[in-house]
C-alpha atoms as a PDB file:
ATOM      1  CA  MET A   1     -72.921  43.352 225.030  1.00  0.00           C
ATOM      2  CA  THR A   2     -71.841  45.065 221.844  1.00  0.00           C
ATOM      3  CA  GLU A   3     -68.675  44.263 219.916  1.00  0.00           C
ATOM      4  CA  ASP A   4     -67.113  47.562 220.997  1.00  0.00           C
ATOM      5  CA  GLU A   5     -67.838  46.774 224.662  1.00  0.00           C
ATOM      6  CA  LYS A   6     -66.277  43.325 224.253  1.00  0.00           C
ATOM      7  CA  ARG A   7     -63.114  44.806 222.695  1.00  0.00           C
ATOM      8  CA  GLU A   8     -62.891  47.416 225.451  1.00  0.00           C
ATOM      9  CA  LEU A   9     -63.277  44.759 228.150  1.00  0.00           C
ATOM     10  CA  ILE A  10     -60.582  42.563 226.567  1.00  0.00           C
ATOM     11  CA  ALA A  11     -58.233  45.520 226.153  1.00  0.00           C
ATOM     12  CA  SER A  12     -58.628  46.474 229.820  1.00  0.00           C
ATOM     13  CA  ASP A  13     -57.757  42.952 231.061  1.00  0.00           C
ATOM     14  CA  PRO A  14     -53.943  42.476 231.102  1.00  0.00           C
ATOM     15  CA  ASP A  15     -54.295  38.675 231.342  1.00  0.00           C
ATOM     16  CA  ALA A  16     -56.486  38.516 228.265  1.00  0.00           C
ATOM     17  CA  ASN A  17     -54.055  40.388 226.079  1.00  0.00           C
ATOM     18  CA  PRO A  18     -50.425  39.742 227.106  1.00  0.00           C
ATOM     19  CA  THR A  19     -47.675  41.485 225.210  1.00  0.00           C
ATOM     20  CA  LEU A  20     -44.070  40.464 224.758  1.00  0.00           C
ATOM     21  CA  ALA A  21     -42.993  43.527 226.717  1.00  0.00           C
ATOM     22  CA  THR A  22     -44.999  42.557 229.795  1.00  0.00           C
ATOM     23  CA  ASP A  23     -45.180  38.785 229.481  1.00  0.00           C
ATOM     24  CA  PRO A  24     -42.313  37.256 227.440  1.00  0.00           C
ATOM     25  CA  PRO A  25     -42.338  33.484 227.022  1.00  0.00           C
ATOM     26  CA  GLN A  26     -40.567  31.833 229.922  1.00  0.00           C
ATOM     27  CA  GLN A  27     -38.433  29.726 227.570  1.00  0.00           C
ATOM     28  CA  TRP A  28     -36.544  32.890 226.609  1.00  0.00           C
ATOM     29  CA  PHE A  29     -35.039  32.899 230.079  1.00  0.00           C
ATOM     30  CA  ARG A  30     -33.897  29.280 229.959  1.00  0.00           C
ATOM     31  CA  SER A  31     -30.863  27.904 228.259  1.00  0.00           C
ATOM     32  CA  PRO A  32     -31.395  24.172 227.926  1.00  0.00           C
ATOM     33  CA  LEU A  33     -28.647  21.961 229.254  1.00  0.00           C
ATOM     34  CA  THR A  34     -28.464  20.097 225.953  1.00  0.00           C
ATOM     35  CA  ARG A  35     -27.673  23.140 223.838  1.00  0.00           C
ATOM     36  CA  THR A  36     -25.249  24.607 226.369  1.00  0.00           C
ATOM     37  CA  LEU A  37     -23.414  21.311 226.715  1.00  0.00           C
ATOM     38  CA  ARG A  38     -23.359  20.655 222.984  1.00  0.00           C
ATOM     39  CA  ARG A  39     -21.971  24.103 222.237  1.00  0.00           C
ATOM     40  CA  LYS A  40     -19.349  23.761 224.961  1.00  0.00           C
ATOM     41  CA  LEU A  41     -18.192  20.545 223.266  1.00  0.00           C
ATOM     42  CA  LYS A  42     -18.338  22.267 219.855  1.00  0.00           C
ATOM     43  CA  LEU A  43     -20.572  19.542 218.402  1.00  0.00           C
ATOM     44  CA  THR A  44     -23.477  19.749 215.987  1.00  0.00           C
ATOM     45  CA  GLN A  45     -26.760  18.131 216.976  1.00  0.00           C
ATOM     46  CA  VAL A  46     -25.983  15.208 214.688  1.00  0.00           C
ATOM     47  CA  ALA A  47     -22.448  14.756 216.035  1.00  0.00           C
ATOM     48  CA  PHE A  48     -23.639  15.002 219.657  1.00  0.00           C
ATOM     49  CA  ALA A  49     -26.366  12.445 218.957  1.00  0.00           C
ATOM     50  CA  ALA A  50     -23.938  10.018 217.331  1.00  0.00           C
ATOM     51  CA  ARG A  51     -21.287  10.415 220.010  1.00  0.00           C
ATOM     52  CA  TYR A  52     -23.632   9.773 222.940  1.00  0.00           C
ATOM     53  CA  GLY A  53     -26.290   7.547 221.375  1.00  0.00           C
ATOM     54  CA  ILE A  54     -29.187   9.977 221.691  1.00  0.00           C
ATOM     55  CA  PRO A  55     -31.732  10.322 218.879  1.00  0.00           C
ATOM     56  CA  VAL A  56     -31.250  13.570 216.952  1.00  0.00           C
ATOM     57  CA  SER A  57     -35.000  14.184 217.118  1.00  0.00           C
ATOM     58  CA  SER A  58     -34.850  14.181 220.926  1.00  0.00           C
ATOM     59  CA  ILE A  59     -32.022  16.709 220.938  1.00  0.00           C
ATOM     60  CA  ARG A  60     -33.927  18.972 218.554  1.00  0.00           C
ATOM     61  CA  ASP A  61     -37.101  18.725 220.629  1.00  0.00           C
ATOM     62  CA  TRP A  62     -35.248  19.510 223.862  1.00  0.00           C
ATOM     63  CA  GLU A  63     -33.453  22.472 222.350  1.00  0.00           C
ATOM     64  CA  LYS A  64     -36.635  23.912 220.843  1.00  0.00           C
ATOM     65  CA  HIS A  65     -38.502  23.434 224.151  1.00  0.00           C
ATOM     66  CA  ARG A  66     -41.017  21.051 222.606  1.00  0.00           C
ATOM     67  CA  TYR A  67     -40.264  18.543 225.353  1.00  0.00           C
ATOM     68  CA  GLU A  68     -38.217  18.437 228.521  1.00  0.00           C
ATOM     69  CA  PRO A  69     -35.774  15.544 228.885  1.00  0.00           C
ATOM     70  CA  GLN A  70     -37.181  12.685 230.948  1.00  0.00           C
ATOM     71  CA  PRO A  71     -35.422  12.093 234.308  1.00  0.00           C
ATOM     72  CA  LEU A  72     -33.252   9.276 232.920  1.00  0.00           C
ATOM     73  CA  ALA A  73     -32.198  11.379 229.935  1.00  0.00           C
ATOM     74  CA  MET A  74     -31.491  14.343 232.222  1.00  0.00           C
ATOM     75  CA  SER A  75     -29.297  12.121 234.391  1.00  0.00           C
ATOM     76  CA  TYR A  76     -27.399  10.984 231.304  1.00  0.00           C
ATOM     77  CA  LEU A  77     -26.905  14.603 230.201  1.00  0.00           C
ATOM     78  CA  LEU A  78     -25.510  15.432 233.654  1.00  0.00           C
ATOM     79  CA  VAL A  79     -23.096  12.480 233.388  1.00  0.00           C
ATOM     80  CA  ILE A  80     -22.001  13.745 229.969  1.00  0.00           C
ATOM     81  CA  ALA A  81     -21.501  17.221 231.435  1.00  0.00           C
ATOM     82  CA  GLY A  82     -19.367  15.781 234.238  1.00  0.00           C
ATOM     83  CA  ASP A  83     -16.941  13.880 231.992  1.00  0.00           C
ATOM     84  CA  PRO A  84     -17.745  14.109 228.276  1.00  0.00           C
ATOM     85  CA  GLU A  85     -14.715  12.137 227.079  1.00  0.00           C
ATOM     86  CA  ALA A  86     -15.165   9.189 229.425  1.00  0.00           C
ATOM     87  CA  THR A  87     -18.895   9.088 228.764  1.00  0.00           C
ATOM     88  CA  ALA A  88     -18.326   8.996 224.995  1.00  0.00           C
ATOM     89  CA  LYS A  89     -16.119   5.923 225.462  1.00  0.00           C
ATOM     90  CA  THR A  90     -19.030   4.054 227.067  1.00  0.00           C
ATOM     91  CA  HIS A  91     -21.163   4.351 223.931  1.00  0.00           C
ATOM     92  CA  PRO A  92     -21.327   0.995 222.064  1.00  0.00           C
ATOM     93  CA  ALA A  93     -19.936   2.503 218.845  1.00  0.00           C
ATOM     94  CA  GLU A  94     -16.900   3.797 220.725  1.00  0.00           C
ATOM     95  CA  ARG A  95     -16.415   0.540 222.654  1.00  0.00           C
ATOM     96  CA  ALA A  96     -16.271  -1.338 219.355  1.00  0.00           C
ATOM     97  CA  LYS A  97     -13.164   0.695 218.447  1.00  0.00           C
ATOM     98  CA  LEU A  98     -11.296  -0.327 221.612  1.00  0.00           C
ATOM     99  CA  PRO A  99      -8.822  -3.215 221.349  1.00  0.00           C
ATOM    100  CA  LEU A 100      -9.910  -6.475 222.941  1.00  0.00           C
ATOM    101  CA  ALA A 101      -8.089  -7.573 226.077  1.00  0.00           C
ATOM    102  CA  ALA A 102      -5.494 -10.279 225.589  1.00  0.00           C
ATOM    103  CA  GLU A 103      -6.675 -13.680 226.745  1.00  0.00           C
END
């Protein structure tokens, strides 16, 4: 098979040569929960990470679609989405700010 025949065969196969017009990356159609939630709360990645005790690197990876949150992390994100203020108070850094109960 000549080089021209190879190019012609590749050009005729739509699966061998996808274009953005016919086959856009699926991630373009998703809006990750992390980014949506973080923007709703008007927090930067760093502030969100500090408030909820999540590594900043994990947030970045989730938002850039490098990794999907593991089931436990996804559950935590759903809890945050349900009641962000109450969930923030459960973080150890926030609990340290609460007054101790009188004995």
